[in-house]
Amino acid sequence: MLLLSTTTRLSAVTAHLFPTLNLRNNRFLSTMVNTIEKATFAAGCFWGVEKVFFKHFKQFGIETRVGYTGGKPDAKNPTYRQVRYLIPLAFILCWLHISLSIPRLYVRTFAMKQQVCNGIGNHAEALEIKFSPEKVSYEALVEFFYRMHDPTTVNKQGPDEGPQYRSAIFYHSVAQREIAERVTAEVQEAHYKGKPIVTTIVEGDVFYDAEDYHQQYLEKNPHGYECPTHFLRW
């Protein structure tokens, strides 16, 4: 799905009023066109996914948000809440994690996602990227998605387990779906022979932004938890 800026619509109106005007060769009008697309990926803990993507594509002007998507229709607005449904053993484990000063587990203990972390709503932790296809292609983003995580583990990335950590591509147009399917087949053939890719390719759904403290979390907390599977494989 395209997000068209006001200037894009202005150019369209100009083209209608002046059909003989060559917009491509008009420097002023061509710079006003700013078509933005969305790409949405799930590849485990969204902290690391955002960090890796932003590090490698920020020079192309991408914008990123982490959040939740792909959940059940009736599980709306998934949020983090204080723990109140964990069994006593979980409380003990939480205190052990705190005593070991593991930042991510500390956050997950006292600001637990009631729906996401417990798998109630079946949402995936995901990264939404806004990008200009004139600066970086969707195909390049999909290939990078496969480079930076392990797409062969079901509902799991490193020590993080559960459907919220599944590998998934959420497409926003038929063209994106076709590109995702083609790149997946190419990556399977080139890099994962004999080990099937389990990434799901599904239509993009409602994307719920995570709380602000999750946005660019590892930029703000450089010593925070990073999933060990988030590295470039080729």
Protein backbone atom coordinates (compact mmCIF):
# COMPACT_ATOMS: atom_id res chain seq x y z
CA MET A 1 0.00 0.00 0.00
CA LEU A 2 1.42 3.36 -1.01
CA LEU A 3 1.44 6.34 1.26
CA LEU A 4 1.26 9.33 -1.06
CA SER A 5 2.37 12.74 0.13
CA THR A 6 0.54 15.95 -0.61
CA THR A 7 3.20 16.87 -3.12
CA THR A 8 2.59 13.62 -4.98
CA ARG A 9 -1.09 14.44 -5.32
CA LEU A 10 -0.15 17.95 -6.43
CA SER A 11 1.99 16.51 -9.20
CA ALA A 12 -0.90 14.29 -10.30
CA VAL A 13 -3.21 17.29 -10.51
CA THR A 14 -0.58 19.21 -12.46
CA ALA A 15 -0.26 16.34 -14.93
CA HIS A 16 -4.03 16.36 -15.44
CA LEU A 17 -4.14 20.10 -16.06
CA PHE A 18 -1.04 20.14 -18.25
CA PRO A 19 -0.88 16.75 -20.03
CA THR A 20 1.92 17.84 -22.37
CA LEU A 21 4.22 18.82 -19.52
CA ASN A 22 7.10 16.37 -19.06
CA LEU A 23 7.20 15.90 -15.30
CA ARG A 24 10.22 13.63 -15.37
CA ASN A 25 12.32 16.34 -16.96
CA ASN A 26 10.97 19.11 -14.78
CA ARG A 27 13.48 19.41 -11.96
CA PHE A 28 11.17 21.40 -9.70
CA LEU A 29 8.17 19.09 -9.94
CA SER A 30 10.19 15.86 -9.89
CA THR A 31 11.74 16.81 -6.57
CA MET A 32 8.26 17.32 -5.16
CA VAL A 33 7.30 13.71 -5.78
CA ASN A 34 7.85 11.66 -2.63
CA THR A 35 6.35 8.20 -2.85
CA ILE A 36 6.73 6.21 0.35
CA GLU A 37 6.07 2.49 0.82
CA LYS A 38 5.88 0.27 3.88
CA ALA A 39 7.69 -2.97 4.58
CA THR A 40 6.86 -5.07 7.63
CA PHE A 41 9.03 -7.91 8.94
CA ALA A 42 9.03 -10.20 11.98
CA ALA A 43 12.34 -11.83 12.84
CA GLY A 44 12.43 -12.35 16.58
CA CYS A 45 13.05 -9.72 19.24
CA PHE A 46 12.15 -6.42 17.63
CA TRP A 47 14.90 -4.56 19.49
CA GLY A 48 17.64 -6.24 17.48
CA VAL A 49 15.69 -6.29 14.23
CA GLU A 50 15.28 -2.53 14.33
CA LYS A 51 18.92 -1.96 15.26
CA VAL A 52 20.31 -4.05 12.40
CA PHE A 53 17.99 -2.65 9.74
CA PHE A 54 18.44 0.96 10.83
CA LYS A 55 22.21 0.62 10.99
CA HIS A 56 22.46 -0.59 7.40
CA PHE A 57 19.71 1.44 5.75
CA LYS A 58 19.56 4.76 7.61
CA GLN A 59 21.62 6.37 4.85
CA PHE A 60 18.69 5.66 2.53
CA GLY A 61 16.34 7.69 4.70
CA ILE A 62 14.24 4.86 6.14
CA GLU A 63 11.97 5.38 9.13
CA THR A 64 11.35 2.51 11.55
CA ARG A 65 8.82 1.63 14.23
CA VAL A 66 8.58 -1.54 16.30
CA GLY A 67 5.26 -3.03 17.31
CA TYR A 68 2.92 -5.97 17.00
CA THR A 69 1.00 -7.37 14.05
CA GLY A 70 -0.47 -10.57 12.67
CA GLY A 71 -2.63 -11.28 15.71
CA LYS A 72 -6.15 -12.56 16.10
CA PRO A 73 -8.84 -10.12 14.90
CA ASP A 74 -10.40 -9.88 18.34
CA ALA A 75 -7.06 -9.29 20.10
CA LYS A 76 -6.79 -5.56 19.58
CA ASN A 77 -4.32 -3.06 21.00
CA PRO A 78 -1.80 -5.48 22.55
CA THR A 79 0.14 -3.71 25.30
CA TYR A 80 2.69 -4.27 28.03
CA ARG A 81 1.28 -4.54 31.52
CA GLN A 82 2.62 -5.27 34.96
CA VAL A 83 2.81 -8.93 35.77
CA ARG A 84 -0.32 -10.30 37.36
CA TYR A 85 -0.99 -13.62 35.65
CA LEU A 86 2.36 -15.38 36.08
CA ILE A 87 2.65 -18.52 38.17
CA PRO A 88 4.82 -18.37 41.33
CA LEU A 89 7.71 -20.13 39.61
CA ALA A 90 7.79 -17.38 37.03
CA PHE A 91 8.13 -14.80 39.79
CA ILE A 92 11.11 -16.68 41.20
CA LEU A 93 12.74 -16.86 37.78
CA CYS A 94 12.10 -13.17 37.27
CA TRP A 95 13.89 -12.28 40.49
CA LEU A 96 16.82 -14.48 39.46
CA HIS A 97 17.03 -12.68 36.15
CA ILE A 98 16.98 -9.32 37.93
CA SER A 99 19.78 -10.40 40.26
CA LEU A 100 21.82 -11.25 37.17
CA SER A 101 21.13 -7.76 35.77
CA ILE A 102 19.82 -8.92 32.41
CA PRO A 103 18.13 -5.77 31.05
CA ARG A 104 15.73 -7.37 28.57
CA LEU A 105 14.43 -9.93 31.06
CA TYR A 106 14.05 -7.20 33.65
CA VAL A 107 11.85 -5.24 31.27
CA ARG A 108 9.93 -8.32 30.25
CA THR A 109 9.30 -9.12 33.94
CA PHE A 110 7.87 -5.85 35.20
CA ALA A 111 6.43 -4.56 31.95
CA MET A 112 5.19 -7.86 30.55
CA LYS A 113 3.18 -7.99 27.37
CA GLN A 114 -0.05 -9.53 28.63
CA GLN A 115 -1.14 -10.57 25.15
CA VAL A 116 2.08 -10.70 23.13
CA CYS A 117 4.49 -12.46 25.48
CA ASN A 118 1.91 -14.96 26.65
CA GLY A 119 0.88 -15.69 23.07
CA ILE A 120 -2.76 -14.86 23.82
CA GLY A 121 -3.30 -12.68 20.77
CA ASN A 122 -0.81 -14.47 18.50
CA HIS A 123 0.81 -11.18 17.54
CA ALA A 124 4.37 -11.15 16.29
CA GLU A 125 6.98 -8.67 17.39
CA ALA A 126 7.56 -6.78 14.17
CA LEU A 127 9.38 -3.91 12.51
CA GLU A 128 7.61 -1.49 10.20
CA ILE A 129 9.85 0.33 7.74
CA LYS A 130 8.84 3.35 5.70
CA PHE A 131 11.11 3.73 2.69
CA SER A 132 11.42 5.43 -0.66
CA PRO A 133 11.65 2.87 -3.50
CA GLU A 134 13.70 5.44 -5.38
CA LYS A 135 16.43 5.08 -2.74
CA VAL A 136 16.18 1.42 -1.75
CA SER A 137 14.17 -1.40 -3.28
CA TYR A 138 11.74 -3.66 -1.48
CA GLU A 139 13.70 -6.60 -2.89
CA ALA A 140 16.85 -5.36 -1.14
CA LEU A 141 14.97 -5.13 2.15
CA VAL A 142 13.59 -8.66 1.82
CA GLU A 143 17.00 -10.10 1.01
CA PHE A 144 18.50 -8.27 3.99
CA PHE A 145 15.70 -9.65 6.18
CA TYR A 146 16.90 -13.15 5.33
CA ARG A 147 20.53 -12.24 5.86
CA MET A 148 20.03 -10.90 9.38
CA HIS A 149 18.14 -13.73 11.12
CA ASP A 150 17.56 -17.48 11.06
CA PRO A 151 14.45 -18.18 8.94
CA THR A 152 14.56 -21.94 9.53
CA THR A 153 13.38 -22.12 13.15
CA VAL A 154 9.66 -22.29 13.95
CA ASN A 155 8.49 -19.71 16.49
CA LYS A 156 12.02 -19.20 17.72
CA GLN A 157 15.08 -16.98 17.41
CA GLY A 158 17.99 -17.99 19.60
CA PRO A 159 16.80 -18.30 23.22
CA ASP A 160 13.56 -16.44 22.47
CA GLU A 161 10.72 -18.89 21.92
CA GLY A 162 7.04 -18.48 21.16
CA PRO A 163 4.83 -17.41 18.25
CA GLN A 164 5.64 -13.77 18.95
CA TYR A 165 9.19 -14.50 17.74
CA ARG A 166 8.20 -16.15 14.47
CA SER A 167 9.74 -15.31 11.12
CA ALA A 168 7.26 -13.54 8.86
CA ILE A 169 6.93 -11.11 5.99
CA PHE A 170 3.78 -9.00 5.96
CA TYR A 171 3.25 -7.70 2.43
CA HIS A 172 1.30 -4.57 1.54
CA SER A 173 0.66 -5.13 -2.16
CA VAL A 174 0.53 -7.89 -4.74
CA ALA A 175 3.89 -6.71 -6.04
CA GLN A 176 5.43 -7.05 -2.57
CA ARG A 177 4.01 -10.54 -2.19
CA GLU A 178 5.48 -11.64 -5.52
CA ILE A 179 8.87 -10.17 -4.66
CA ALA A 180 8.84 -11.80 -1.21
CA GLU A 181 7.96 -15.21 -2.67
CA ARG A 182 10.64 -14.96 -5.37
CA VAL A 183 13.39 -13.81 -3.02
CA THR A 184 12.43 -16.53 -0.52
CA ALA A 185 12.83 -19.19 -3.21
CA GLU A 186 16.18 -17.73 -4.27
CA VAL A 187 17.49 -17.61 -0.71
CA GLN A 188 16.29 -21.16 -0.08
CA GLU A 189 18.19 -22.41 -3.13
CA ALA A 190 21.34 -20.41 -2.49
CA HIS A 191 21.74 -20.63 1.28
CA TYR A 192 19.44 -23.19 2.90
CA LYS A 193 19.47 -26.33 0.81
CA GLY A 194 18.14 -29.23 2.86
CA LYS A 195 16.93 -26.89 5.62
CA PRO A 196 13.52 -25.45 4.76
CA ILE A 197 12.74 -21.80 5.32
CA VAL A 198 9.68 -21.54 7.58
CA THR A 199 9.05 -17.82 7.12
CA THR A 200 5.37 -17.10 6.53
CA ILE A 201 4.40 -14.60 3.84
CA VAL A 202 1.03 -13.10 4.71
CA GLU A 203 -0.95 -9.99 3.95
CA GLY A 204 -0.16 -7.05 6.19
CA ASP A 205 -2.59 -6.52 9.04
CA VAL A 206 -3.13 -3.79 11.61
CA PHE A 207 0.22 -2.68 13.03
CA TYR A 208 0.14 -1.64 16.68
CA ASP A 209 3.04 0.55 17.77
CA ALA A 210 4.91 -0.68 20.82
CA GLU A 211 5.38 1.72 23.71
CA ASP A 212 7.84 4.56 23.15
CA TYR A 213 10.57 3.05 25.29
CA HIS A 214 10.79 0.14 22.85
CA GLN A 215 11.45 2.43 19.88
CA GLN A 216 15.18 2.44 19.03
CA TYR A 217 15.65 0.60 22.33
CA LEU A 218 19.22 -0.52 21.67
CA GLU A 219 20.19 2.95 20.50
CA LYS A 220 19.07 4.27 23.88
CA ASN A 221 20.32 1.19 25.79
CA PRO A 222 23.46 -0.01 23.98
CA HIS A 223 24.09 -2.74 26.55
CA GLY A 224 20.56 -4.12 26.35
CA TYR A 225 19.66 -7.61 25.25
CA GLU A 226 20.35 -8.59 21.63
CA CYS A 227 19.21 -11.89 20.17
CA PRO A 228 22.35 -13.85 19.17
CA THR A 229 20.81 -14.85 15.82
CA HIS A 230 20.71 -11.24 14.61
CA PHE A 231 23.84 -11.02 12.47
CA LEU A 232 24.59 -10.95 8.73
CA ARG A 233 25.08 -14.40 7.25
CA TRP A 234 26.42 -13.45 3.84
